[in-house]
Amino acid sequence: MSTPILRLENVKKSFGKKHVLTGVDLEVQRGESLVVLGGSGSGKSVMLKNALGLMTPNDGKILFDGEDVTKSTGKTRAKMRERIGMLFQSGALFDSLTVWENVSFRLLQADRMRRKDAKERAIETLKQVRLGADVADLYPAEISGGMQKRVSLARSIISKPDLIFFDEPTTGLDPITADAINDLIIEQVRSLGAAAVSITHDMASARKIADNIAMLYEGKIIWHGPADIIDNSGNDYVDQFVHGRADGPIQPAI
């Protein structure tokens, strides 16, 4: 088997006495779409931030394309991030920037591309997510929530990354718009040949975009397998989560 584009080995992360990640083992192959399920407070976002290098684990290793980047900084970390795209849960668009400036933010700030060239590239990328050039000069507040998600998706793919993280990509969207975003995610990930890691609690989204699904519970991956067997996982925790039942080994966070 080829070297995974991302591998987490026994990753642990604590905040004081609160142990959030207690030994995460996970790997993602090139071209794979992996969805990580987990309830609120299960550690999904903390796991993602450690994988991105926004946090440093207390223990364990993070390998990107076979290279240990657990504690890397400076040029090594920057080189890794050049190959990663990110769609944030809230979209995280800059209110003071136009749509095209948001999409081409990396090109303008990190790559120092000329504004004229960056705008052309942004408009081309907007077309890939079914948005016309007419939205390029608008501000985020002037477009709908679904359009903002598309803009965020365009920003995450503009640099043609090898790995894309999706943090709750359909949160706050109606079912029809959410399904359209899922379709775009599948289309763009496949066209790039990129690997994708999505964290979500939306089962409709997970079923649609995942090749494989993992479940994070109490800081560890407790199940990992093909998406098409998620309904017959043989794991009581997964079964309860997938079918949204209050009764089971997972206690409601209320």
C-alpha atoms as a PDB file:
ATOM      1  CA  MET A   1       0.000   0.000   0.000  1.00  0.00           C
ATOM      2  CA  SER A   2       1.220   3.516  -0.780  1.00  0.00           C
ATOM      3  CA  THR A   3       2.249   6.012   1.882  1.00  0.00           C
ATOM      4  CA  PRO A   4      -0.839   7.695   3.395  1.00  0.00           C
ATOM      5  CA  ILE A   5      -1.135  11.405   2.708  1.00  0.00           C
ATOM      6  CA  LEU A   6      -2.014  11.819   6.408  1.00  0.00           C
ATOM      7  CA  ARG A   7      -1.386   9.547   9.367  1.00  0.00           C
ATOM      8  CA  LEU A   8      -2.100  10.100  13.046  1.00  0.00           C
ATOM      9  CA  GLU A   9      -0.379   7.740  15.462  1.00  0.00           C
ATOM     10  CA  ASN A  10      -1.584   7.579  19.083  1.00  0.00           C
ATOM     11  CA  VAL A  11      -2.274  11.330  19.112  1.00  0.00           C
ATOM     12  CA  LYS A  12      -3.161  12.705  22.523  1.00  0.00           C
ATOM     13  CA  LYS A  13      -4.233  16.214  23.472  1.00  0.00           C
ATOM     14  CA  SER A  14      -5.195  17.559  26.881  1.00  0.00           C
ATOM     15  CA  PHE A  15      -6.146  20.963  28.215  1.00  0.00           C
ATOM     16  CA  GLY A  16      -5.215  20.915  31.871  1.00  0.00           C
ATOM     17  CA  LYS A  17      -7.024  17.948  33.395  1.00  0.00           C
ATOM     18  CA  LYS A  18      -9.388  17.623  30.456  1.00  0.00           C
ATOM     19  CA  HIS A  19      -8.242  14.808  28.152  1.00  0.00           C
ATOM     20  CA  VAL A  20      -9.777  15.470  24.725  1.00  0.00           C
ATOM     21  CA  LEU A  21      -7.776  13.117  22.500  1.00  0.00           C
ATOM     22  CA  THR A  22      -6.669   9.961  24.299  1.00  0.00           C
ATOM     23  CA  GLY A  23      -4.862   8.109  21.524  1.00  0.00           C
ATOM     24  CA  VAL A  24      -6.148   8.727  17.990  1.00  0.00           C
ATOM     25  CA  ASP A  25      -4.921   6.366  15.269  1.00  0.00           C
ATOM     26  CA  LEU A  26      -6.051   7.267  11.770  1.00  0.00           C
ATOM     27  CA  GLU A  27      -4.757   7.347   8.223  1.00  0.00           C
ATOM     28  CA  VAL A  28      -5.978   8.779   4.926  1.00  0.00           C
ATOM     29  CA  GLN A  29      -4.869   7.557   1.518  1.00  0.00           C
ATOM     30  CA  ARG A  30      -4.477   9.730  -1.571  1.00  0.00           C
ATOM     31  CA  GLY A  31      -7.803  10.138  -3.334  1.00  0.00           C
ATOM     32  CA  GLU A  32      -9.775   8.846  -0.332  1.00  0.00           C
ATOM     33  CA  SER A  33     -12.766  10.665   1.131  1.00  0.00           C
ATOM     34  CA  LEU A  34     -12.850   9.949   4.856  1.00  0.00           C
ATOM     35  CA  VAL A  35     -15.634  11.165   7.122  1.00  0.00           C
ATOM     36  CA  VAL A  36     -15.060  11.304  10.879  1.00  0.00           C
ATOM     37  CA  LEU A  37     -18.262  11.105  12.893  1.00  0.00           C
ATOM     38  CA  GLY A  38     -18.669  12.141  16.487  1.00  0.00           C
ATOM     39  CA  GLY A  39     -21.031  13.952  18.792  1.00  0.00           C
ATOM     40  CA  SER A  40     -20.579  17.430  20.185  1.00  0.00           C
ATOM     41  CA  GLY A  41     -17.504  17.559  22.398  1.00  0.00           C
ATOM     42  CA  SER A  42     -16.073  14.300  21.063  1.00  0.00           C
ATOM     43  CA  GLY A  43     -12.837  15.987  19.979  1.00  0.00           C
ATOM     44  CA  LYS A  44     -13.392  16.184  16.208  1.00  0.00           C
ATOM     45  CA  SER A  45     -12.333  19.820  15.877  1.00  0.00           C
ATOM     46  CA  VAL A  46      -9.348  19.338  18.195  1.00  0.00           C
ATOM     47  CA  MET A  47      -8.223  16.367  16.110  1.00  0.00           C
ATOM     48  CA  LEU A  48      -8.501  18.463  12.952  1.00  0.00           C
ATOM     49  CA  LYS A  49      -6.542  21.366  14.466  1.00  0.00           C
ATOM     50  CA  ASN A  50      -3.758  19.005  15.518  1.00  0.00           C
ATOM     51  CA  ALA A  51      -3.644  17.488  12.031  1.00  0.00           C
ATOM     52  CA  LEU A  52      -3.415  20.987  10.524  1.00  0.00           C
ATOM     53  CA  GLY A  53      -0.668  22.056  12.901  1.00  0.00           C
ATOM     54  CA  LEU A  54      -2.812  24.700  14.568  1.00  0.00           C
ATOM     55  CA  MET A  55      -2.258  22.746  17.782  1.00  0.00           C
ATOM     56  CA  THR A  56       0.595  20.507  18.904  1.00  0.00           C
ATOM     57  CA  PRO A  57      -0.339  17.172  20.500  1.00  0.00           C
ATOM     58  CA  ASN A  58       0.914  16.260  23.951  1.00  0.00           C
ATOM     59  CA  ASP A  59       1.937  12.866  22.646  1.00  0.00           C
ATOM     60  CA  GLY A  60       1.882  10.825  19.452  1.00  0.00           C
ATOM     61  CA  LYS A  61       2.867  11.570  15.868  1.00  0.00           C
ATOM     62  CA  ILE A  62       1.367  13.317  12.851  1.00  0.00           C
ATOM     63  CA  LEU A  63       2.830  12.374   9.482  1.00  0.00           C
ATOM     64  CA  PHE A  64       2.066  14.216   6.257  1.00  0.00           C
ATOM     65  CA  ASP A  65       3.042  12.315   3.117  1.00  0.00           C
ATOM     66  CA  GLY A  66       5.355  10.151   5.235  1.00  0.00           C
ATOM     67  CA  GLU A  67       7.144  13.059   6.941  1.00  0.00           C
ATOM     68  CA  ASP A  68       6.847  13.613  10.693  1.00  0.00           C
ATOM     69  CA  VAL A  69       5.381  17.114  11.058  1.00  0.00           C
ATOM     70  CA  THR A  70       4.232  16.771  14.673  1.00  0.00           C
ATOM     71  CA  LYS A  71       6.351  19.645  15.946  1.00  0.00           C
ATOM     72  CA  SER A  72       7.507  21.199  12.700  1.00  0.00           C
ATOM     73  CA  THR A  73       7.515  24.975  12.315  1.00  0.00           C
ATOM     74  CA  GLY A  74       8.576  27.605   9.812  1.00  0.00           C
ATOM     75  CA  LYS A  75       9.224  26.524   6.244  1.00  0.00           C
ATOM     76  CA  THR A  76       8.445  22.852   6.879  1.00  0.00           C
ATOM     77  CA  ARG A  77       4.998  23.690   8.232  1.00  0.00           C
ATOM     78  CA  ALA A  78       4.386  26.271   5.494  1.00  0.00           C
ATOM     79  CA  LYS A  79       5.330  23.737   2.824  1.00  0.00           C
ATOM     80  CA  MET A  80       2.808  21.281   4.239  1.00  0.00           C
ATOM     81  CA  ARG A  81       0.039  23.877   4.377  1.00  0.00           C
ATOM     82  CA  GLU A  82       0.661  24.789   0.736  1.00  0.00           C
ATOM     83  CA  ARG A  83      -0.708  21.348  -0.093  1.00  0.00           C
ATOM     84  CA  ILE A  84      -3.770  21.567   2.157  1.00  0.00           C
ATOM     85  CA  GLY A  85      -7.150  23.219   1.656  1.00  0.00           C
ATOM     86  CA  MET A  86      -9.675  23.966   4.392  1.00  0.00           C
ATOM     87  CA  LEU A  87     -13.399  24.657   4.463  1.00  0.00           C
ATOM     88  CA  PHE A  88     -14.340  26.015   7.887  1.00  0.00           C
ATOM     89  CA  GLN A  89     -17.637  25.269   9.616  1.00  0.00           C
ATOM     90  CA  SER A  90     -18.868  28.860   9.557  1.00  0.00           C
ATOM     91  CA  GLY A  91     -17.336  29.584   6.155  1.00  0.00           C
ATOM     92  CA  ALA A  92     -14.941  32.022   7.873  1.00  0.00           C
ATOM     93  CA  LEU A  93     -15.119  34.549   5.054  1.00  0.00           C
ATOM     94  CA  PHE A  94     -13.641  37.980   5.640  1.00  0.00           C
ATOM     95  CA  ASP A  95     -16.503  40.498   5.743  1.00  0.00           C
ATOM     96  CA  SER A  96     -14.299  43.371   4.580  1.00  0.00           C
ATOM     97  CA  LEU A  97     -13.089  41.541   1.460  1.00  0.00           C
ATOM     98  CA  THR A  98     -15.000  40.912  -1.740  1.00  0.00           C
ATOM     99  CA  VAL A  99     -15.875  37.396  -2.841  1.00  0.00           C
ATOM    100  CA  TRP A 100     -12.954  37.170  -5.252  1.00  0.00           C
ATOM    101  CA  GLU A 101     -10.523  38.527  -2.653  1.00  0.00           C
ATOM    102  CA  ASN A 102     -11.739  35.872  -0.207  1.00  0.00           C
ATOM    103  CA  VAL A 103     -11.321  33.097  -2.769  1.00  0.00           C
ATOM    104  CA  SER A 104      -7.831  34.221  -3.778  1.00  0.00           C
ATOM    105  CA  PHE A 105      -6.691  35.146  -0.257  1.00  0.00           C
ATOM    106  CA  ARG A 106      -3.834  32.640  -0.267  1.00  0.00           C
ATOM    107  CA  LEU A 107      -2.694  33.670  -3.741  1.00  0.00           C
ATOM    108  CA  LEU A 108      -2.594  37.315  -2.711  1.00  0.00           C
ATOM    109  CA  GLN A 109      -1.100  36.943   0.763  1.00  0.00           C
ATOM    110  CA  ALA A 110       1.207  33.917   0.579  1.00  0.00           C
ATOM    111  CA  ASP A 111       2.020  33.624  -3.122  1.00  0.00           C
ATOM    112  CA  ARG A 112       2.091  37.393  -3.756  1.00  0.00           C
ATOM    113  CA  MET A 113       0.236  36.961  -7.036  1.00  0.00           C
ATOM    114  CA  ARG A 114      -0.727  40.095  -8.943  1.00  0.00           C
ATOM    115  CA  ARG A 115      -4.286  41.187  -8.163  1.00  0.00           C
ATOM    116  CA  LYS A 116      -5.334  41.016 -11.811  1.00  0.00           C
ATOM    117  CA  ASP A 117      -4.113  37.426 -12.151  1.00  0.00           C
ATOM    118  CA  ALA A 118      -5.534  36.428  -8.776  1.00  0.00           C
ATOM    119  CA  LYS A 119      -8.957  37.773  -9.704  1.00  0.00           C
ATOM    120  CA  GLU A 120      -8.953  35.841 -12.981  1.00  0.00           C
ATOM    121  CA  ARG A 121      -8.029  32.667 -11.122  1.00  0.00           C
ATOM    122  CA  ALA A 122     -10.719  33.332  -8.505  1.00  0.00           C
ATOM    123  CA  ILE A 123     -13.414  33.789 -11.153  1.00  0.00           C
ATOM    124  CA  GLU A 124     -12.356  30.552 -12.849  1.00  0.00           C
ATOM    125  CA  THR A 125     -12.574  28.736  -9.513  1.00  0.00           C
ATOM    126  CA  LEU A 126     -15.958  30.279  -8.704  1.00  0.00           C
ATOM    127  CA  LYS A 127     -17.268  28.803 -11.953  1.00  0.00           C
ATOM    128  CA  GLN A 128     -16.188  25.376 -10.714  1.00  0.00           C
ATOM    129  CA  VAL A 129     -18.608  25.735  -7.775  1.00  0.00           C
ATOM    130  CA  ARG A 130     -21.451  27.040  -9.967  1.00  0.00           C
ATOM    131  CA  LEU A 131     -21.040  30.733  -9.218  1.00  0.00           C
ATOM    132  CA  GLY A 132     -20.810  33.348 -11.963  1.00  0.00           C
ATOM    133  CA  ALA A 133     -18.411  36.256 -12.369  1.00  0.00           C
ATOM    134  CA  ASP A 134     -21.245  38.572 -11.280  1.00  0.00           C
ATOM    135  CA  VAL A 135     -20.696  37.627  -7.609  1.00  0.00           C
ATOM    136  CA  ALA A 136     -16.938  38.271  -7.648  1.00  0.00           C
ATOM    137  CA  ASP A 137     -17.175  41.919  -6.589  1.00  0.00           C
ATOM    138  CA  LEU A 138     -19.904  41.400  -3.999  1.00  0.00           C
ATOM    139  CA  TYR A 139     -19.240  41.131  -0.269  1.00  0.00           C
ATOM    140  CA  PRO A 140     -20.153  38.043   1.801  1.00  0.00           C
ATOM    141  CA  ALA A 141     -23.072  39.860   3.447  1.00  0.00           C
ATOM    142  CA  GLU A 142     -24.601  40.386   0.005  1.00  0.00           C
ATOM    143  CA  ILE A 143     -24.910  36.681  -0.829  1.00  0.00           C
ATOM    144  CA  SER A 144     -26.897  33.807   0.682  1.00  0.00           C
ATOM    145  CA  GLY A 145     -25.612  31.242   3.174  1.00  0.00           C
ATOM    146  CA  GLY A 146     -25.468  28.568   0.490  1.00  0.00           C
ATOM    147  CA  MET A 147     -23.491  30.860  -1.802  1.00  0.00           C
ATOM    148  CA  GLN A 148     -21.112  31.668   1.061  1.00  0.00           C
ATOM    149  CA  LYS A 149     -20.430  27.930   1.456  1.00  0.00           C
ATOM    150  CA  ARG A 150     -19.651  27.724  -2.261  1.00  0.00           C
ATOM    151  CA  VAL A 151     -17.269  30.654  -1.957  1.00  0.00           C
ATOM    152  CA  SER A 152     -15.566  28.898   0.974  1.00  0.00           C
ATOM    153  CA  LEU A 153     -15.313  25.721  -1.104  1.00  0.00           C
ATOM    154  CA  ALA A 154     -13.776  27.701  -3.967  1.00  0.00           C
ATOM    155  CA  ARG A 155     -11.204  29.159  -1.567  1.00  0.00           C
ATOM    156  CA  SER A 156     -10.320  25.671  -0.321  1.00  0.00           C
ATOM    157  CA  ILE A 157      -9.613  24.318  -3.820  1.00  0.00           C
ATOM    158  CA  ILE A 158      -8.041  27.313  -5.596  1.00  0.00           C
ATOM    159  CA  SER A 159      -4.480  26.158  -4.846  1.00  0.00           C
ATOM    160  CA  LYS A 160      -5.237  22.617  -6.108  1.00  0.00           C
ATOM    161  CA  PRO A 161      -4.394  20.953  -2.768  1.00  0.00           C
ATOM    162  CA  ASP A 162      -3.520  17.314  -2.186  1.00  0.00           C
ATOM    163  CA  LEU A 163      -5.619  17.163   0.988  1.00  0.00           C
ATOM    164  CA  ILE A 164      -8.757  19.090   1.920  1.00  0.00           C
ATOM    165  CA  PHE A 165     -10.342  19.335   5.359  1.00  0.00           C
ATOM    166  CA  PHE A 166     -14.082  19.975   5.617  1.00  0.00           C
ATOM    167  CA  ASP A 167     -15.338  21.066   9.039  1.00  0.00           C
ATOM    168  CA  GLU A 168     -19.109  20.462   9.246  1.00  0.00           C
ATOM    169  CA  PRO A 169     -19.555  21.533   5.600  1.00  0.00           C
ATOM    170  CA  THR A 170     -23.379  21.476   5.613  1.00  0.00           C
ATOM    171  CA  THR A 171     -24.072  23.034   9.024  1.00  0.00           C
ATOM    172  CA  GLY A 172     -26.802  25.670   8.898  1.00  0.00           C
ATOM    173  CA  LEU A 173     -28.007  24.769   5.416  1.00  0.00           C
ATOM    174  CA  ASP A 174     -31.426  23.485   4.384  1.00  0.00           C
ATOM    175  CA  PRO A 175     -31.477  19.866   3.108  1.00  0.00           C
ATOM    176  CA  ILE A 176     -31.591  20.793  -0.579  1.00  0.00           C
ATOM    177  CA  THR A 177     -28.730  23.283  -0.372  1.00  0.00           C
ATOM    178  CA  ALA A 178     -26.764  20.853   1.800  1.00  0.00           C
ATOM    179  CA  ASP A 179     -27.154  18.139  -0.822  1.00  0.00           C
ATOM    180  CA  ALA A 180     -25.962  20.536  -3.529  1.00  0.00           C
ATOM    181  CA  ILE A 181     -22.862  21.337  -1.444  1.00  0.00           C
ATOM    182  CA  ASN A 182     -22.232  17.605  -0.978  1.00  0.00           C
ATOM    183  CA  ASP A 183     -22.406  17.127  -4.754  1.00  0.00           C
ATOM    184  CA  LEU A 184     -19.880  19.927  -5.271  1.00  0.00           C
ATOM    185  CA  ILE A 185     -17.544  18.465  -2.655  1.00  0.00           C
ATOM    186  CA  ILE A 186     -17.589  15.075  -4.389  1.00  0.00           C
ATOM    187  CA  GLU A 187     -17.084  16.653  -7.805  1.00  0.00           C
ATOM    188  CA  GLN A 188     -14.206  18.895  -6.810  1.00  0.00           C
ATOM    189  CA  VAL A 189     -12.366  16.323  -4.687  1.00  0.00           C
ATOM    190  CA  ARG A 190     -12.528  13.824  -7.548  1.00  0.00           C
ATOM    191  CA  SER A 191     -11.468  16.326 -10.193  1.00  0.00           C
ATOM    192  CA  LEU A 192      -8.427  17.290  -8.097  1.00  0.00           C
ATOM    193  CA  GLY A 193      -7.616  13.699  -7.173  1.00  0.00           C
ATOM    194  CA  ALA A 194      -7.270  15.009  -3.629  1.00  0.00           C
ATOM    195  CA  ALA A 195      -7.817  13.244  -0.336  1.00  0.00           C
ATOM    196  CA  ALA A 196     -10.584  14.647   1.841  1.00  0.00           C
ATOM    197  CA  VAL A 197     -11.198  14.523   5.584  1.00  0.00           C
ATOM    198  CA  SER A 198     -14.627  15.717   6.666  1.00  0.00           C
ATOM    199  CA  ILE A 199     -15.813  15.977  10.248  1.00  0.00           C
ATOM    200  CA  THR A 200     -19.558  15.986  10.731  1.00  0.00           C
ATOM    201  CA  HIS A 201     -22.541  14.695  12.666  1.00  0.00           C
ATOM    202  CA  ASP A 202     -24.773  14.945   9.569  1.00  0.00           C
ATOM    203  CA  MET A 203     -25.427  11.356   8.507  1.00  0.00           C
ATOM    204  CA  ALA A 204     -26.973  12.315   5.152  1.00  0.00           C
ATOM    205  CA  SER A 205     -23.775  14.164   4.264  1.00  0.00           C
ATOM    206  CA  ALA A 206     -21.563  11.366   5.582  1.00  0.00           C
ATOM    207  CA  ARG A 207     -23.351   8.698   3.552  1.00  0.00           C
ATOM    208  CA  LYS A 208     -23.049  10.735   0.381  1.00  0.00           C
ATOM    209  CA  ILE A 209     -19.460  11.971   0.417  1.00  0.00           C
ATOM    210  CA  ALA A 210     -17.584   9.204   2.253  1.00  0.00           C
ATOM    211  CA  ASP A 211     -15.587   6.305   0.900  1.00  0.00           C
ATOM    212  CA  ASN A 212     -14.766   5.359   4.470  1.00  0.00           C
ATOM    213  CA  ILE A 213     -16.135   6.425   7.835  1.00  0.00           C
ATOM    214  CA  ALA A 214     -14.487   6.568  11.247  1.00  0.00           C
ATOM    215  CA  MET A 215     -16.127   7.320  14.557  1.00  0.00           C
ATOM    216  CA  LEU A 216     -14.443   9.308  17.303  1.00  0.00           C
ATOM    217  CA  TYR A 217     -15.674   8.668  20.822  1.00  0.00           C
ATOM    218  CA  GLU A 218     -14.066   9.685  24.108  1.00  0.00           C
ATOM    219  CA  GLY A 219     -10.895  10.739  22.321  1.00  0.00           C
ATOM    220  CA  LYS A 220     -10.302   7.578  20.289  1.00  0.00           C
ATOM    221  CA  ILE A 221     -11.352   6.099  16.961  1.00  0.00           C
ATOM    222  CA  ILE A 222     -13.670   3.282  17.999  1.00  0.00           C
ATOM    223  CA  TRP A 223     -14.698   2.138  14.510  1.00  0.00           C
ATOM    224  CA  HIS A 224     -13.322   2.583  10.988  1.00  0.00           C
ATOM    225  CA  GLY A 225     -14.706   0.991   7.862  1.00  0.00           C
ATOM    226  CA  PRO A 226     -16.289   1.375   4.416  1.00  0.00           C
ATOM    227  CA  ALA A 227     -19.208   3.797   4.225  1.00  0.00           C
ATOM    228  CA  ASP A 228     -21.491   1.191   2.663  1.00  0.00           C
ATOM    229  CA  ILE A 229     -21.471  -0.983   5.812  1.00  0.00           C
ATOM    230  CA  ILE A 230     -22.116   1.808   8.308  1.00  0.00           C
ATOM    231  CA  ASP A 231     -25.635   0.490   8.985  1.00  0.00           C
ATOM    232  CA  ASN A 232     -24.215  -2.906   9.885  1.00  0.00           C
ATOM    233  CA  SER A 233     -21.054  -1.867  11.724  1.00  0.00           C
ATOM    234  CA  GLY A 234     -21.425  -4.366  14.559  1.00  0.00           C
ATOM    235  CA  ASN A 235     -20.558  -1.549  16.988  1.00  0.00           C
ATOM    236  CA  ASP A 236     -23.249  -0.479  19.471  1.00  0.00           C
ATOM    237  CA  TYR A 237     -21.899   3.077  19.723  1.00  0.00           C
ATOM    238  CA  VAL A 238     -21.850   3.548  15.948  1.00  0.00           C
ATOM    239  CA  ASP A 239     -25.290   1.962  15.591  1.00  0.00           C
ATOM    240  CA  GLN A 240     -26.799   4.325  18.162  1.00  0.00           C
ATOM    241  CA  PHE A 241     -25.182   7.390  16.568  1.00  0.00           C
ATOM    242  CA  VAL A 242     -26.063   6.487  12.985  1.00  0.00           C
ATOM    243  CA  HIS A 243     -29.716   5.909  13.828  1.00  0.00           C
ATOM    244  CA  GLY A 244     -29.996   8.865  16.210  1.00  0.00           C
ATOM    245  CA  ARG A 245     -31.308   6.954  19.201  1.00  0.00           C
ATOM    246  CA  ALA A 246     -31.285   8.419  22.711  1.00  0.00           C
ATOM    247  CA  ASP A 247     -31.091   4.948  24.240  1.00  0.00           C
ATOM    248  CA  GLY A 248     -27.720   3.232  24.057  1.00  0.00           C
ATOM    249  CA  PRO A 249     -24.169   3.377  25.392  1.00  0.00           C
ATOM    250  CA  ILE A 250     -23.719   7.050  24.406  1.00  0.00           C
ATOM    251  CA  GLN A 251     -25.311   9.339  26.956  1.00  0.00           C
ATOM    252  CA  PRO A 252     -26.961  12.533  25.625  1.00  0.00           C
ATOM    253  CA  ALA A 253     -24.915  15.656  26.388  1.00  0.00           C
ATOM    254  CA  ILE A 254     -27.659  17.461  28.347  1.00  0.00           C
END
